[in-house]
């Protein structure tokens, strides 16, 4: 036996904590993982859209402007 607890004593105290932790942590981790992925995709699409709008509105309209003075 030594200083370590018996197998049955260890299982009685440790296993219930492991199961409780798994049940409470897994849905939250899954939720935040999906939320983060969604957030990154939406931000990327919004930035791409606004970048395109800025390029279109600031652009020269296809005209070449020259100045001879």
PDB file of N, CA and C in Angstrom:
ATOM      1  N   UNK A   1       0.816  -1.185   0.000  1.00  0.00           N
ATOM      2  CA  UNK A   1       0.000   0.000   0.000  1.00  0.00           C
ATOM      3  C   UNK A   1       0.868   1.260   0.000  1.00  0.00           C
ATOM      4  N   UNK A   2       1.795   1.433   0.851  1.00  0.00           N
ATOM      5  CA  UNK A   2       2.668   2.605   0.849  1.00  0.00           C
ATOM      6  C   UNK A   2       1.909   3.881   1.176  1.00  0.00           C
ATOM      7  N   UNK A   3       2.362   5.003   0.592  1.00  0.00           N
ATOM      8  CA  UNK A   3       1.716   6.291   0.878  1.00  0.00           C
ATOM      9  C   UNK A   3       0.580   6.603  -0.088  1.00  0.00           C
ATOM     10  N   UNK A   4       0.464   5.836  -1.139  1.00  0.00           N
ATOM     11  CA  UNK A   4      -0.610   6.073  -2.101  1.00  0.00           C
ATOM     12  C   UNK A   4      -1.922   5.483  -1.598  1.00  0.00           C
ATOM     13  N   UNK A   5      -3.046   6.126  -1.896  1.00  0.00           N
ATOM     14  CA  UNK A   5      -4.338   5.567  -1.477  1.00  0.00           C
ATOM     15  C   UNK A   5      -4.663   4.312  -2.286  1.00  0.00           C
ATOM     16  N   UNK A   6      -5.546   3.531  -1.751  1.00  0.00           N
ATOM     17  CA  UNK A   6      -5.961   2.333  -2.475  1.00  0.00           C
ATOM     18  C   UNK A   6      -6.708   2.744  -3.732  1.00  0.00           C
ATOM     19  N   UNK A   7      -6.805   1.837  -4.666  1.00  0.00           N
ATOM     20  CA  UNK A   7      -7.459   2.132  -5.940  1.00  0.00           C
ATOM     21  C   UNK A   7      -8.912   2.537  -5.736  1.00  0.00           C
ATOM     22  N   UNK A   8      -9.611   1.836  -4.859  1.00  0.00           N
ATOM     23  CA  UNK A   8     -11.028   2.162  -4.646  1.00  0.00           C
ATOM     24  C   UNK A   8     -11.189   3.534  -3.995  1.00  0.00           C
ATOM     25  N   UNK A   9     -10.290   3.905  -3.082  1.00  0.00           N
ATOM     26  CA  UNK A   9     -10.373   5.223  -2.443  1.00  0.00           C
ATOM     27  C   UNK A   9     -10.077   6.323  -3.460  1.00  0.00           C
ATOM     28  N   UNK A  10      -9.117   6.077  -4.323  1.00  0.00           N
ATOM     29  CA  UNK A  10      -8.770   7.074  -5.338  1.00  0.00           C
ATOM     30  C   UNK A  10      -9.934   7.276  -6.300  1.00  0.00           C
ATOM     31  N   UNK A  11     -10.538   6.192  -6.748  1.00  0.00           N
ATOM     32  CA  UNK A  11     -11.665   6.285  -7.677  1.00  0.00           C
ATOM     33  C   UNK A  11     -12.854   6.985  -7.036  1.00  0.00           C
ATOM     34  N   UNK A  12     -13.092   6.731  -5.766  1.00  0.00           N
ATOM     35  CA  UNK A  12     -14.247   7.319  -5.085  1.00  0.00           C
ATOM     36  C   UNK A  12     -14.130   8.835  -4.997  1.00  0.00           C
ATOM     37  N   UNK A  13     -12.917   9.367  -4.872  1.00  0.00           N
ATOM     38  CA  UNK A  13     -12.767  10.811  -4.717  1.00  0.00           C
ATOM     39  C   UNK A  13     -12.450  11.530  -6.024  1.00  0.00           C
ATOM     40  N   UNK A  14     -11.696  10.918  -6.902  1.00  0.00           N
ATOM     41  CA  UNK A  14     -11.230  11.621  -8.091  1.00  0.00           C
ATOM     42  C   UNK A  14     -12.198  11.508  -9.255  1.00  0.00           C
ATOM     43  N   UNK A  15     -12.735  10.360  -9.508  1.00  0.00           N
ATOM     44  CA  UNK A  15     -13.577  10.178 -10.685  1.00  0.00           C
ATOM     45  C   UNK A  15     -14.819  11.064 -10.693  1.00  0.00           C
ATOM     46  N   UNK A  16     -15.527  11.225  -9.586  1.00  0.00           N
ATOM     47  CA  UNK A  16     -16.690  12.132  -9.649  1.00  0.00           C
ATOM     48  C   UNK A  16     -16.304  13.564 -10.028  1.00  0.00           C
ATOM     49  N   UNK A  17     -15.146  14.029  -9.577  1.00  0.00           N
ATOM     50  CA  UNK A  17     -14.703  15.375  -9.949  1.00  0.00           C
ATOM     51  C   UNK A  17     -14.398  15.452 -11.439  1.00  0.00           C
ATOM     52  N   UNK A  18     -13.783  14.418 -11.980  1.00  0.00           N
ATOM     53  CA  UNK A  18     -13.478  14.419 -13.407  1.00  0.00           C
ATOM     54  C   UNK A  18     -14.748  14.458 -14.242  1.00  0.00           C
ATOM     55  N   UNK A  19     -15.732  13.669 -13.871  1.00  0.00           N
ATOM     56  CA  UNK A  19     -16.971  13.654 -14.642  1.00  0.00           C
ATOM     57  C   UNK A  19     -17.700  14.991 -14.532  1.00  0.00           C
ATOM     58  N   UNK A  20     -17.729  15.577 -13.353  1.00  0.00           N
ATOM     59  CA  UNK A  20     -18.412  16.860 -13.172  1.00  0.00           C
ATOM     60  C   UNK A  20     -17.717  17.945 -13.992  1.00  0.00           C
ATOM     61  N   UNK A  21     -16.405  17.943 -13.995  1.00  0.00           N
ATOM     62  CA  UNK A  21     -15.659  18.951 -14.733  1.00  0.00           C
ATOM     63  C   UNK A  21     -15.879  18.794 -16.234  1.00  0.00           C
ATOM     64  N   UNK A  22     -15.907  17.572 -16.711  1.00  0.00           N
ATOM     65  CA  UNK A  22     -16.093  17.333 -18.138  1.00  0.00           C
ATOM     66  C   UNK A  22     -17.461  17.823 -18.592  1.00  0.00           C
ATOM     67  N   UNK A  23     -18.478  17.572 -17.825  1.00  0.00           N
ATOM     68  CA  UNK A  23     -19.827  17.983 -18.214  1.00  0.00           C
ATOM     69  C   UNK A  23     -19.972  19.500 -18.242  1.00  0.00           C
ATOM     70  N   UNK A  24     -19.351  20.187 -17.315  1.00  0.00           N
ATOM     71  CA  UNK A  24     -19.531  21.636 -17.272  1.00  0.00           C
ATOM     72  C   UNK A  24     -18.598  22.364 -18.224  1.00  0.00           C
ATOM     73  N   UNK A  25     -17.427  21.820 -18.491  1.00  0.00           N
ATOM     74  CA  UNK A  25     -16.465  22.522 -19.330  1.00  0.00           C
ATOM     75  C   UNK A  25     -16.689  22.285 -20.821  1.00  0.00           C
ATOM     76  N   UNK A  26     -17.103  21.111 -21.213  1.00  0.00           N
ATOM     77  CA  UNK A  26     -17.183  20.784 -22.630  1.00  0.00           C
ATOM     78  C   UNK A  26     -18.162  21.663 -23.399  1.00  0.00           C
ATOM     79  N   UNK A  27     -19.397  21.848 -22.942  1.00  0.00           N
ATOM     80  CA  UNK A  27     -20.302  22.711 -23.719  1.00  0.00           C
ATOM     81  C   UNK A  27     -19.785  24.149 -23.825  1.00  0.00           C
ATOM     82  N   UNK A  28     -19.210  24.674 -22.754  1.00  0.00           N
ATOM     83  CA  UNK A  28     -18.690  26.041 -22.813  1.00  0.00           C
ATOM     84  C   UNK A  28     -17.541  26.143 -23.801  1.00  0.00           C
ATOM     85  N   UNK A  29     -16.631  25.181 -23.759  1.00  0.00           N
ATOM     86  CA  UNK A  29     -15.497  25.210 -24.675  1.00  0.00           C
ATOM     87  C   UNK A  29     -15.978  25.102 -26.109  1.00  0.00           C
ATOM     88  N   UNK A  30     -16.940  24.239 -26.350  1.00  0.00           N
ATOM     89  CA  UNK A  30     -17.475  24.060 -27.692  1.00  0.00           C
ATOM     90  C   UNK A  30     -18.168  25.337 -28.154  1.00  0.00           C
ATOM     91  N   UNK A  31     -18.934  25.962 -27.260  1.00  0.00           N
ATOM     92  CA  UNK A  31     -19.633  27.203 -27.599  1.00  0.00           C
ATOM     93  C   UNK A  31     -18.640  28.298 -27.962  1.00  0.00           C
ATOM     94  N   UNK A  32     -17.626  28.493 -27.130  1.00  0.00           N
ATOM     95  CA  UNK A  32     -16.664  29.556 -27.392  1.00  0.00           C
ATOM     96  C   UNK A  32     -15.849  29.275 -28.642  1.00  0.00           C
ATOM     97  N   UNK A  33     -15.565  28.014 -28.906  1.00  0.00           N
ATOM     98  CA  UNK A  33     -14.831  27.662 -30.120  1.00  0.00           C
ATOM     99  C   UNK A  33     -15.655  28.011 -31.356  1.00  0.00           C
ATOM    100  N   UNK A  34     -16.939  27.661 -31.347  1.00  0.00           N
ATOM    101  CA  UNK A  34     -17.803  27.975 -32.483  1.00  0.00           C
ATOM    102  C   UNK A  34     -18.009  29.484 -32.597  1.00  0.00           C
ATOM    103  N   UNK A  35     -18.163  30.154 -31.473  1.00  0.00           N
ATOM    104  CA  UNK A  35     -18.357  31.601 -31.481  1.00  0.00           C
ATOM    105  C   UNK A  35     -17.127  32.299 -32.054  1.00  0.00           C
ATOM    106  N   UNK A  36     -15.943  31.856 -31.646  1.00  0.00           N
ATOM    107  CA  UNK A  36     -14.711  32.470 -32.137  1.00  0.00           C
ATOM    108  C   UNK A  36     -14.564  32.268 -33.634  1.00  0.00           C
ATOM    109  N   UNK A  37     -14.852  31.070 -34.115  1.00  0.00           N
ATOM    110  CA  UNK A  37     -14.765  30.799 -35.549  1.00  0.00           C
ATOM    111  C   UNK A  37     -15.744  31.681 -36.310  1.00  0.00           C
ATOM    112  N   UNK A  38     -16.975  31.767 -35.831  1.00  0.00           N
ATOM    113  CA  UNK A  38     -17.995  32.607 -36.467  1.00  0.00           C
ATOM    114  C   UNK A  38     -17.550  34.068 -36.473  1.00  0.00           C
ATOM    115  N   UNK A  39     -17.047  34.540 -35.353  1.00  0.00           N
ATOM    116  CA  UNK A  39     -16.602  35.923 -35.218  1.00  0.00           C
ATOM    117  C   UNK A  39     -15.487  36.237 -36.212  1.00  0.00           C
ATOM    118  N   UNK A  40     -14.514  35.343 -36.345  1.00  0.00           N
ATOM    119  CA  UNK A  40     -13.404  35.569 -37.272  1.00  0.00           C
ATOM    120  C   UNK A  40     -13.876  35.597 -38.722  1.00  0.00           C
ATOM    121  N   UNK A  41     -14.775  34.702 -39.078  1.00  0.00           N
ATOM    122  CA  UNK A  41     -15.279  34.662 -40.456  1.00  0.00           C
ATOM    123  C   UNK A  41     -16.056  35.932 -40.781  1.00  0.00           C
ATOM    124  N   UNK A  42     -16.930  36.345 -39.877  1.00  0.00           N
ATOM    125  CA  UNK A  42     -17.730  37.555 -40.110  1.00  0.00           C
ATOM    126  C   UNK A  42     -16.823  38.777 -40.208  1.00  0.00           C
ATOM    127  N   UNK A  43     -15.841  38.886 -39.325  1.00  0.00           N
ATOM    128  CA  UNK A  43     -14.926  40.026 -39.391  1.00  0.00           C
ATOM    129  C   UNK A  43     -14.146  40.046 -40.690  1.00  0.00           C
ATOM    130  N   UNK A  44     -13.682  38.887 -41.134  1.00  0.00           N
ATOM    131  CA  UNK A  44     -12.938  38.818 -42.391  1.00  0.00           C
ATOM    132  C   UNK A  44     -13.814  39.276 -43.555  1.00  0.00           C
ATOM    133  N   UNK A  45     -15.061  38.794 -43.600  1.00  0.00           N
ATOM    134  CA  UNK A  45     -15.951  39.175 -44.696  1.00  0.00           C
ATOM    135  C   UNK A  45     -16.283  40.663 -44.660  1.00  0.00           C
ATOM    136  N   UNK A  46     -16.522  41.198 -43.470  1.00  0.00           N
ATOM    137  CA  UNK A  46     -16.815  42.630 -43.364  1.00  0.00           C
ATOM    138  C   UNK A  46     -15.623  43.477 -43.797  1.00  0.00           C
ATOM    139  N   UNK A  47     -14.432  43.106 -43.365  1.00  0.00           N
ATOM    140  CA  UNK A  47     -13.247  43.865 -43.765  1.00  0.00           C
ATOM    141  C   UNK A  47     -13.019  43.784 -45.268  1.00  0.00           C
ATOM    142  N   UNK A  48     -13.223  42.617 -45.848  1.00  0.00           N
ATOM    143  CA  UNK A  48     -13.054  42.468 -47.296  1.00  0.00           C
ATOM    144  C   UNK A  48     -14.071  43.329 -48.036  1.00  0.00           C
ATOM    145  N   UNK A  49     -15.315  43.344 -47.554  1.00  0.00           N
ATOM    146  CA  UNK A  49     -16.366  44.144 -48.193  1.00  0.00           C
ATOM    147  C   UNK A  49     -16.043  45.633 -48.112  1.00  0.00           C
ATOM    148  N   UNK A  50     -15.684  46.122 -46.925  1.00  0.00           N
ATOM    149  CA  UNK A  50     -15.393  47.545 -46.774  1.00  0.00           C
ATOM    150  C   UNK A  50     -14.145  47.943 -47.551  1.00  0.00           C
ATOM    151  N   UNK A  51     -13.171  47.062 -47.637  1.00  0.00           N
ATOM    152  CA  UNK A  51     -11.978  47.349 -48.434  1.00  0.00           C
ATOM    153  C   UNK A  51     -12.363  47.509 -49.904  1.00  0.00           C
ATOM    154  N   UNK A  52     -13.236  46.652 -50.384  1.00  0.00           N
ATOM    155  CA  UNK A  52     -13.690  46.734 -51.770  1.00  0.00           C
ATOM    156  C   UNK A  52     -14.465  48.027 -52.009  1.00  0.00           C
ATOM    157  N   UNK A  53     -15.323  48.415 -51.075  1.00  0.00           N
ATOM    158  CA  UNK A  53     -16.095  49.654 -51.205  1.00  0.00           C
ATOM    159  C   UNK A  53     -15.163  50.857 -51.239  1.00  0.00           C
ATOM    160  N   UNK A  54     -14.150  50.857 -50.400  1.00  0.00           N
ATOM    161  CA  UNK A  54     -13.208  51.983 -50.366  1.00  0.00           C
ATOM    162  C   UNK A  54     -12.441  52.072 -51.679  1.00  0.00           C
ATOM    163  N   UNK A  55     -12.008  50.954 -52.207  1.00  0.00           N
ATOM    164  CA  UNK A  55     -11.275  50.965 -53.477  1.00  0.00           C
ATOM    165  C   UNK A  55     -12.157  51.506 -54.599  1.00  0.00           C
ATOM    166  N   UNK A  56     -13.415  51.107 -54.625  1.00  0.00           N
ATOM    167  CA  UNK A  56     -14.324  51.550 -55.685  1.00  0.00           C
ATOM    168  C   UNK A  56     -14.610  53.045 -55.564  1.00  0.00           C
ATOM    169  N   UNK A  57     -14.846  53.549 -54.354  1.00  0.00           N
ATOM    170  CA  UNK A  57     -15.219  54.954 -54.190  1.00  0.00           C
ATOM    171  C   UNK A  57     -14.027  55.892 -54.314  1.00  0.00           C
ATOM    172  N   UNK A  58     -12.845  55.455 -53.952  1.00  0.00           N
ATOM    173  CA  UNK A  58     -11.680  56.333 -54.012  1.00  0.00           C
ATOM    174  C   UNK A  58     -11.008  56.265 -55.377  1.00  0.00           C
ATOM    175  N   UNK A  59     -11.255  55.232 -56.111  1.00  0.00           N
ATOM    176  CA  UNK A  59     -10.579  55.034 -57.393  1.00  0.00           C
ATOM    177  C   UNK A  59     -10.822  56.174 -58.364  1.00  0.00           C
ATOM    178  N   UNK A  60     -10.017  56.239 -59.419  1.00  0.00           N
ATOM    179  CA  UNK A  60     -10.086  57.329 -60.382  1.00  0.00           C
ATOM    180  C   UNK A  60     -11.205  57.195 -61.383  1.00  0.00           C
ATOM    181  N   UNK A  61     -11.977  56.168 -61.336  1.00  0.00           N
ATOM    182  CA  UNK A  61     -13.086  56.018 -62.254  1.00  0.00           C
ATOM    183  C   UNK A  61     -12.650  55.629 -63.654  1.00  0.00           C
ATOM    184  N   UNK A  62     -11.458  55.118 -63.807  1.00  0.00           N
ATOM    185  CA  UNK A  62     -11.001  54.679 -65.112  1.00  0.00           C
ATOM    186  C   UNK A  62     -10.419  55.787 -65.970  1.00  0.00           C
ATOM    187  N   UNK A  63     -10.321  57.002 -65.465  1.00  0.00           N
ATOM    188  CA  UNK A  63      -9.779  58.120 -66.236  1.00  0.00           C
ATOM    189  C   UNK A  63      -8.311  58.336 -65.876  1.00  0.00           C
ATOM    190  N   UNK A  64      -7.553  58.749 -66.858  1.00  0.00           N
ATOM    191  CA  UNK A  64      -6.159  59.103 -66.613  1.00  0.00           C
ATOM    192  C   UNK A  64      -6.091  60.619 -66.554  1.00  0.00           C
ATOM    193  N   UNK A  65      -5.615  61.139 -65.465  1.00  0.00           N
ATOM    194  CA  UNK A  65      -5.534  62.583 -65.289  1.00  0.00           C
ATOM    195  C   UNK A  65      -4.086  63.016 -65.495  1.00  0.00           C
ATOM    196  N   UNK A  66      -3.909  63.926 -66.377  1.00  0.00           N
ATOM    197  CA  UNK A  66      -2.569  64.473 -66.602  1.00  0.00           C
ATOM    198  C   UNK A  66      -2.636  65.991 -66.516  1.00  0.00           C
ATOM    199  N   UNK A  67      -1.533  66.585 -66.223  1.00  0.00           N
ATOM    200  CA  UNK A  67      -1.474  68.042 -66.144  1.00  0.00           C
ATOM    201  C   UNK A  67      -0.254  68.499 -66.928  1.00  0.00           C
ATOM    202  N   UNK A  68      -0.495  69.362 -67.879  1.00  0.00           N
ATOM    203  CA  UNK A  68       0.609  69.956 -68.630  1.00  0.00           C
ATOM    204  C   UNK A  68       0.542  71.454 -68.414  1.00  0.00           C
ATOM    205  N   UNK A  69       1.576  71.983 -67.874  1.00  0.00           N
ATOM    206  CA  UNK A  69       1.512  73.373 -67.502  1.00  0.00           C
ATOM    207  C   UNK A  69       2.422  74.285 -68.152  1.00  0.00           C
TER     208      UNK A  69
END
